[in-house]
């Protein structure tokens, strides 16, 4: 989001306390995948926004990239887990109610990127 070099972001993040508990391969996929696919991820997100992309907090924007990327490329992670983890990231690092916006946008994106999974949850009464 800040146009920082991926290597600098990576070095900073890996130095954070607790990183050793993270799935480093999944982190690598998210970091490099979101950077490489930024324009495509924005193209998915923008139609679901009620404001200009430039008005979205960088934290919420980045979390939406993560959600969109995982919906597309991390099919082993259930869509509900992607959604919940993104909400938690937005709660922890975003603005006061930014998680609500992230929830709305990613909930709107999920049926497009994971149609069979979302439909199965809806049929079982588990989707919102």
N, C-alpha and C. Protein backbone atom coordinates (compact mmCIF):
# COMPACT_ATOMS: atom_id res chain seq x y z
N UNK A 1 0.83 -1.19 0.00
CA UNK A 1 0.00 0.00 0.00
C UNK A 1 0.87 1.25 0.00
N UNK A 2 1.96 1.21 0.76
CA UNK A 2 2.84 2.36 0.85
C UNK A 2 3.92 2.35 -0.21
N UNK A 3 3.82 1.43 -1.15
CA UNK A 3 4.79 1.31 -2.24
C UNK A 3 6.19 0.98 -1.73
N UNK A 4 6.26 0.37 -0.55
CA UNK A 4 7.55 -0.07 -0.02
C UNK A 4 8.01 -1.31 -0.76
N UNK A 5 9.30 -1.49 -0.80
CA UNK A 5 9.89 -2.65 -1.44
C UNK A 5 9.47 -3.93 -0.70
N UNK A 6 9.13 -4.97 -1.44
CA UNK A 6 8.68 -6.23 -0.84
C UNK A 6 9.74 -6.80 0.10
N UNK A 7 11.01 -6.67 -0.26
CA UNK A 7 12.08 -7.19 0.60
C UNK A 7 12.13 -6.45 1.94
N UNK A 8 11.91 -5.16 1.92
CA UNK A 8 11.90 -4.37 3.15
C UNK A 8 10.70 -4.74 4.02
N UNK A 9 9.55 -4.90 3.41
CA UNK A 9 8.35 -5.31 4.14
C UNK A 9 8.59 -6.68 4.77
N UNK A 10 9.14 -7.56 3.97
CA UNK A 10 9.39 -8.93 4.43
C UNK A 10 10.36 -8.94 5.61
N UNK A 11 11.46 -8.22 5.50
CA UNK A 11 12.45 -8.18 6.59
C UNK A 11 11.84 -7.61 7.86
N UNK A 12 11.08 -6.54 7.73
CA UNK A 12 10.44 -5.93 8.89
C UNK A 12 9.48 -6.90 9.56
N UNK A 13 8.64 -7.54 8.75
CA UNK A 13 7.61 -8.43 9.28
C UNK A 13 8.21 -9.65 9.94
N UNK A 14 9.20 -10.24 9.32
CA UNK A 14 9.82 -11.44 9.90
C UNK A 14 10.54 -11.15 11.22
N UNK A 15 10.85 -9.87 11.45
CA UNK A 15 11.53 -9.48 12.68
C UNK A 15 10.54 -9.20 13.83
N UNK A 16 9.25 -9.20 13.54
CA UNK A 16 8.26 -8.93 14.57
C UNK A 16 8.14 -10.10 15.53
N UNK A 17 7.88 -9.78 16.79
CA UNK A 17 7.68 -10.82 17.80
C UNK A 17 6.49 -11.68 17.38
N UNK A 18 6.63 -12.97 17.49
CA UNK A 18 5.54 -13.89 17.17
C UNK A 18 5.53 -14.39 15.75
N UNK A 19 6.37 -13.83 14.89
CA UNK A 19 6.34 -14.28 13.48
C UNK A 19 6.67 -15.76 13.37
N UNK A 20 7.47 -16.26 14.27
CA UNK A 20 7.85 -17.67 14.22
C UNK A 20 6.67 -18.62 14.28
N UNK A 21 5.54 -18.15 14.80
CA UNK A 21 4.33 -18.97 14.88
C UNK A 21 3.53 -18.93 13.57
N UNK A 22 3.88 -18.03 12.69
CA UNK A 22 3.14 -17.85 11.44
C UNK A 22 3.53 -18.91 10.41
N UNK A 23 2.63 -19.13 9.47
CA UNK A 23 2.91 -20.01 8.33
C UNK A 23 3.68 -19.17 7.31
N UNK A 24 5.00 -19.33 7.30
CA UNK A 24 5.87 -18.48 6.46
C UNK A 24 5.57 -18.64 4.98
N UNK A 25 5.24 -19.84 4.53
CA UNK A 25 4.93 -20.03 3.10
C UNK A 25 3.65 -19.30 2.72
N UNK A 26 2.65 -19.35 3.57
CA UNK A 26 1.39 -18.66 3.30
C UNK A 26 1.64 -17.14 3.31
N UNK A 27 2.41 -16.67 4.27
CA UNK A 27 2.77 -15.26 4.33
C UNK A 27 3.47 -14.83 3.04
N UNK A 28 4.45 -15.61 2.58
CA UNK A 28 5.16 -15.28 1.34
C UNK A 28 4.19 -15.19 0.16
N UNK A 29 3.28 -16.15 0.08
CA UNK A 29 2.30 -16.14 -1.02
C UNK A 29 1.44 -14.88 -0.96
N UNK A 30 0.99 -14.52 0.24
CA UNK A 30 0.15 -13.32 0.37
C UNK A 30 0.92 -12.05 0.05
N UNK A 31 2.10 -11.91 0.62
CA UNK A 31 2.88 -10.69 0.39
C UNK A 31 3.18 -10.50 -1.09
N UNK A 32 3.79 -11.48 -1.70
CA UNK A 32 4.21 -11.34 -3.09
C UNK A 32 3.03 -11.41 -4.05
N UNK A 33 2.04 -12.22 -3.72
CA UNK A 33 0.85 -12.32 -4.57
C UNK A 33 0.04 -11.04 -4.59
N UNK A 34 -0.17 -10.44 -3.43
CA UNK A 34 -0.94 -9.19 -3.37
C UNK A 34 -0.22 -8.06 -4.09
N UNK A 35 1.09 -8.01 -3.95
CA UNK A 35 1.85 -6.97 -4.66
C UNK A 35 1.78 -7.19 -6.17
N UNK A 36 1.98 -8.43 -6.60
CA UNK A 36 1.98 -8.73 -8.03
C UNK A 36 0.60 -8.53 -8.66
N UNK A 37 -0.44 -8.78 -7.90
CA UNK A 37 -1.80 -8.72 -8.44
C UNK A 37 -2.58 -7.51 -7.95
N UNK A 38 -1.90 -6.49 -7.49
CA UNK A 38 -2.56 -5.32 -6.91
C UNK A 38 -3.64 -4.73 -7.83
N UNK A 39 -3.32 -4.52 -9.08
CA UNK A 39 -4.29 -3.91 -10.00
C UNK A 39 -5.49 -4.83 -10.22
N UNK A 40 -5.25 -6.11 -10.35
CA UNK A 40 -6.36 -7.06 -10.55
C UNK A 40 -7.23 -7.14 -9.29
N UNK A 41 -6.59 -7.10 -8.12
CA UNK A 41 -7.35 -7.14 -6.86
C UNK A 41 -8.19 -5.87 -6.71
N UNK A 42 -7.61 -4.73 -7.08
CA UNK A 42 -8.38 -3.48 -7.04
C UNK A 42 -9.57 -3.55 -7.99
N UNK A 43 -9.39 -4.15 -9.14
CA UNK A 43 -10.49 -4.28 -10.11
C UNK A 43 -11.64 -5.11 -9.54
N UNK A 44 -11.32 -6.07 -8.70
CA UNK A 44 -12.36 -6.87 -8.05
C UNK A 44 -13.08 -6.09 -6.95
N UNK A 45 -12.31 -5.30 -6.23
CA UNK A 45 -12.83 -4.59 -5.06
C UNK A 45 -13.64 -3.35 -5.43
N UNK A 46 -13.16 -2.57 -6.36
CA UNK A 46 -13.75 -1.27 -6.68
C UNK A 46 -15.26 -1.32 -6.95
N UNK A 47 -15.78 -2.29 -7.71
CA UNK A 47 -17.23 -2.29 -7.94
C UNK A 47 -18.07 -2.47 -6.67
N UNK A 48 -17.45 -2.93 -5.60
CA UNK A 48 -18.18 -3.16 -4.36
C UNK A 48 -18.08 -1.99 -3.37
N UNK A 49 -17.33 -0.97 -3.73
CA UNK A 49 -17.13 0.17 -2.84
C UNK A 49 -18.23 1.20 -3.02
N UNK A 50 -18.49 1.93 -1.94
CA UNK A 50 -19.46 3.03 -2.00
C UNK A 50 -18.75 4.39 -2.00
N UNK A 51 -17.44 4.34 -2.20
CA UNK A 51 -16.62 5.55 -2.27
C UNK A 51 -15.42 5.28 -3.16
N UNK A 52 -14.65 6.29 -3.43
CA UNK A 52 -13.46 6.12 -4.26
C UNK A 52 -12.43 5.28 -3.51
N UNK A 53 -11.67 4.51 -4.23
CA UNK A 53 -10.65 3.66 -3.65
C UNK A 53 -9.65 4.47 -2.82
N UNK A 54 -9.34 5.67 -3.27
CA UNK A 54 -8.39 6.54 -2.58
C UNK A 54 -8.89 6.95 -1.20
N UNK A 55 -10.18 6.81 -0.96
CA UNK A 55 -10.76 7.19 0.33
C UNK A 55 -10.77 6.04 1.34
N UNK A 56 -10.36 4.86 0.90
CA UNK A 56 -10.32 3.70 1.78
C UNK A 56 -9.01 3.74 2.57
N UNK A 57 -9.09 3.43 3.85
CA UNK A 57 -7.89 3.37 4.68
C UNK A 57 -6.90 2.37 4.08
N UNK A 58 -5.61 2.67 4.12
CA UNK A 58 -4.62 1.71 3.60
C UNK A 58 -4.69 0.35 4.30
N UNK A 59 -5.03 0.33 5.56
CA UNK A 59 -5.15 -0.95 6.28
C UNK A 59 -6.31 -1.75 5.71
N UNK A 60 -7.49 -1.15 5.64
CA UNK A 60 -8.65 -1.86 5.11
C UNK A 60 -8.42 -2.27 3.65
N UNK A 61 -7.78 -1.41 2.88
CA UNK A 61 -7.48 -1.71 1.48
C UNK A 61 -6.58 -2.95 1.41
N UNK A 62 -5.52 -2.96 2.20
CA UNK A 62 -4.61 -4.11 2.21
C UNK A 62 -5.29 -5.38 2.67
N UNK A 63 -6.15 -5.28 3.66
CA UNK A 63 -6.88 -6.46 4.14
C UNK A 63 -7.83 -6.98 3.05
N UNK A 64 -8.43 -6.08 2.30
CA UNK A 64 -9.29 -6.51 1.19
C UNK A 64 -8.47 -7.21 0.11
N UNK A 65 -7.25 -6.72 -0.14
CA UNK A 65 -6.35 -7.42 -1.07
C UNK A 65 -6.09 -8.84 -0.58
N UNK A 66 -5.78 -8.98 0.69
CA UNK A 66 -5.50 -10.30 1.25
C UNK A 66 -6.71 -11.21 1.06
N UNK A 67 -7.89 -10.71 1.40
CA UNK A 67 -9.10 -11.52 1.24
C UNK A 67 -9.34 -11.92 -0.21
N UNK A 68 -9.23 -10.96 -1.11
CA UNK A 68 -9.43 -11.27 -2.53
C UNK A 68 -8.41 -12.27 -3.04
N UNK A 69 -7.15 -12.08 -2.64
CA UNK A 69 -6.10 -13.00 -3.07
C UNK A 69 -6.37 -14.41 -2.53
N UNK A 70 -6.71 -14.51 -1.26
CA UNK A 70 -6.97 -15.83 -0.68
C UNK A 70 -8.21 -16.48 -1.31
N UNK A 71 -9.25 -15.71 -1.56
CA UNK A 71 -10.42 -16.27 -2.23
C UNK A 71 -10.03 -16.90 -3.57
N UNK A 72 -9.12 -16.26 -4.29
CA UNK A 72 -8.73 -16.74 -5.61
C UNK A 72 -7.70 -17.86 -5.58
N UNK A 73 -6.73 -17.77 -4.70
CA UNK A 73 -5.56 -18.65 -4.79
C UNK A 73 -5.36 -19.62 -3.64
N UNK A 74 -6.04 -19.45 -2.56
CA UNK A 74 -5.83 -20.31 -1.38
C UNK A 74 -7.10 -21.12 -1.14
N UNK A 75 -7.38 -21.97 -2.10
CA UNK A 75 -8.64 -22.71 -2.07
C UNK A 75 -8.71 -23.73 -0.93
N UNK A 76 -7.57 -24.02 -0.32
CA UNK A 76 -7.58 -24.92 0.84
C UNK A 76 -8.06 -24.21 2.10
N UNK A 77 -8.16 -22.89 2.06
CA UNK A 77 -8.66 -22.12 3.19
C UNK A 77 -10.14 -21.81 2.91
N UNK A 78 -11.05 -22.31 3.74
CA UNK A 78 -12.48 -22.06 3.51
C UNK A 78 -12.79 -20.56 3.45
N UNK A 79 -13.74 -20.21 2.63
CA UNK A 79 -14.07 -18.80 2.43
C UNK A 79 -14.45 -18.12 3.74
N UNK A 80 -15.14 -18.84 4.63
CA UNK A 80 -15.55 -18.26 5.91
C UNK A 80 -14.32 -17.97 6.78
N UNK A 81 -13.30 -18.81 6.68
CA UNK A 81 -12.07 -18.58 7.44
C UNK A 81 -11.35 -17.35 6.89
N UNK A 82 -11.28 -17.23 5.57
CA UNK A 82 -10.68 -16.05 4.95
C UNK A 82 -11.41 -14.80 5.45
N UNK A 83 -12.73 -14.81 5.37
CA UNK A 83 -13.53 -13.66 5.80
C UNK A 83 -13.28 -13.33 7.27
N UNK A 84 -13.35 -14.32 8.12
CA UNK A 84 -13.17 -14.08 9.56
C UNK A 84 -11.77 -13.58 9.89
N UNK A 85 -10.75 -14.14 9.25
CA UNK A 85 -9.38 -13.69 9.51
C UNK A 85 -9.18 -12.25 9.04
N UNK A 86 -9.78 -11.91 7.91
CA UNK A 86 -9.67 -10.53 7.41
C UNK A 86 -10.39 -9.56 8.34
N UNK A 87 -11.53 -9.95 8.85
CA UNK A 87 -12.25 -9.11 9.82
C UNK A 87 -11.39 -8.90 11.06
N UNK A 88 -10.76 -9.96 11.54
CA UNK A 88 -9.91 -9.85 12.72
C UNK A 88 -8.70 -8.95 12.46
N UNK A 89 -8.10 -9.06 11.28
CA UNK A 89 -6.99 -8.16 10.93
C UNK A 89 -7.45 -6.70 10.94
N UNK A 90 -8.60 -6.45 10.35
CA UNK A 90 -9.12 -5.09 10.29
C UNK A 90 -9.47 -4.57 11.69
N UNK A 91 -10.00 -5.43 12.55
CA UNK A 91 -10.30 -5.02 13.93
C UNK A 91 -9.02 -4.65 14.66
N UNK A 92 -7.98 -5.47 14.47
CA UNK A 92 -6.72 -5.27 15.19
C UNK A 92 -5.93 -4.06 14.70
N UNK A 93 -5.90 -3.86 13.39
CA UNK A 93 -5.00 -2.85 12.84
C UNK A 93 -5.71 -1.68 12.15
N UNK A 94 -6.97 -1.83 11.84
CA UNK A 94 -7.69 -0.79 11.10
C UNK A 94 -8.39 0.22 11.99
N UNK A 95 -9.20 1.03 11.37
CA UNK A 95 -9.97 2.04 12.08
C UNK A 95 -11.07 1.41 12.92
N UNK A 96 -11.72 2.22 13.71
CA UNK A 96 -12.71 1.76 14.68
C UNK A 96 -13.74 0.81 14.07
N UNK A 97 -14.36 1.19 13.00
CA UNK A 97 -15.37 0.34 12.37
C UNK A 97 -14.96 -0.15 10.99
N UNK A 98 -13.67 -0.05 10.68
CA UNK A 98 -13.18 -0.49 9.37
C UNK A 98 -13.48 -1.94 9.08
N UNK A 99 -13.50 -2.77 10.11
CA UNK A 99 -13.79 -4.19 9.91
C UNK A 99 -15.17 -4.41 9.33
N UNK A 100 -16.11 -3.53 9.64
CA UNK A 100 -17.46 -3.67 9.09
C UNK A 100 -17.44 -3.46 7.58
N UNK A 101 -16.65 -2.52 7.14
CA UNK A 101 -16.52 -2.24 5.71
C UNK A 101 -15.83 -3.40 5.00
N UNK A 102 -14.75 -3.91 5.60
CA UNK A 102 -14.04 -5.07 5.06
C UNK A 102 -15.01 -6.24 4.95
N UNK A 103 -15.80 -6.47 5.99
CA UNK A 103 -16.78 -7.55 5.99
C UNK A 103 -17.76 -7.40 4.83
N UNK A 104 -18.28 -6.20 4.67
CA UNK A 104 -19.27 -5.97 3.61
C UNK A 104 -18.68 -6.21 2.22
N UNK A 105 -17.48 -5.68 1.98
CA UNK A 105 -16.87 -5.82 0.66
C UNK A 105 -16.50 -7.28 0.39
N UNK A 106 -15.85 -7.93 1.33
CA UNK A 106 -15.45 -9.32 1.10
C UNK A 106 -16.64 -10.27 1.06
N UNK A 107 -17.69 -9.97 1.82
CA UNK A 107 -18.91 -10.78 1.74
C UNK A 107 -19.57 -10.64 0.38
N UNK A 108 -19.41 -9.47 -0.23
CA UNK A 108 -19.92 -9.26 -1.59
C UNK A 108 -19.05 -9.91 -2.64
N UNK A 109 -17.77 -10.05 -2.36
CA UNK A 109 -16.82 -10.63 -3.31
C UNK A 109 -16.85 -12.17 -3.28
N UNK A 110 -17.08 -12.73 -2.13
CA UNK A 110 -17.02 -14.19 -1.97
C UNK A 110 -17.92 -14.95 -2.94
N UNK A 111 -19.17 -14.54 -3.14
CA UNK A 111 -20.02 -15.30 -4.07
C UNK A 111 -19.50 -15.31 -5.51
N UNK A 112 -18.74 -14.29 -5.88
CA UNK A 112 -18.16 -14.23 -7.22
C UNK A 112 -16.95 -15.15 -7.34
N UNK A 113 -16.10 -15.16 -6.32
CA UNK A 113 -14.85 -15.91 -6.39
C UNK A 113 -14.95 -17.33 -5.84
N UNK A 114 -15.91 -17.58 -4.98
CA UNK A 114 -16.12 -18.91 -4.40
C UNK A 114 -17.60 -19.30 -4.48
N UNK A 115 -18.18 -19.27 -5.69
CA UNK A 115 -19.63 -19.45 -5.80
C UNK A 115 -20.15 -20.78 -5.25
N UNK A 116 -19.46 -21.86 -5.51
CA UNK A 116 -19.95 -23.18 -5.07
C UNK A 116 -19.87 -23.30 -3.55
N UNK A 117 -18.79 -22.81 -2.99
CA UNK A 117 -18.59 -22.89 -1.54
C UNK A 117 -19.63 -22.02 -0.80
N UNK A 118 -19.84 -20.80 -1.28
CA UNK A 118 -20.81 -19.91 -0.66
C UNK A 118 -22.22 -20.48 -0.82
N UNK A 119 -22.54 -21.01 -2.00
CA UNK A 119 -23.86 -21.59 -2.24
C UNK A 119 -24.10 -22.78 -1.31
N UNK A 120 -23.09 -23.60 -1.12
CA UNK A 120 -23.23 -24.76 -0.23
C UNK A 120 -23.49 -24.30 1.21
N UNK A 121 -22.79 -23.25 1.64
CA UNK A 121 -23.03 -22.72 2.98
C UNK A 121 -24.43 -22.13 3.10
N UNK A 122 -24.86 -21.43 2.08
CA UNK A 122 -26.21 -20.86 2.12
C UNK A 122 -27.27 -21.95 2.17
N UNK A 123 -27.05 -23.01 1.40
CA UNK A 123 -27.99 -24.13 1.40
C UNK A 123 -28.05 -24.79 2.77
N UNK A 124 -26.92 -24.80 3.45
CA UNK A 124 -26.85 -25.41 4.79
C UNK A 124 -27.26 -24.41 5.88
N UNK A 125 -27.55 -23.17 5.47
CA UNK A 125 -27.97 -22.16 6.44
C UNK A 125 -26.84 -21.53 7.22
N UNK A 126 -25.61 -21.61 6.71
CA UNK A 126 -24.45 -21.08 7.43
C UNK A 126 -23.97 -19.73 6.92
N UNK A 127 -24.40 -19.30 5.76
CA UNK A 127 -23.90 -18.02 5.22
C UNK A 127 -24.77 -16.88 5.70
N UNK A 128 -24.16 -15.70 5.73
CA UNK A 128 -24.90 -14.50 6.18
C UNK A 128 -25.82 -14.02 5.10
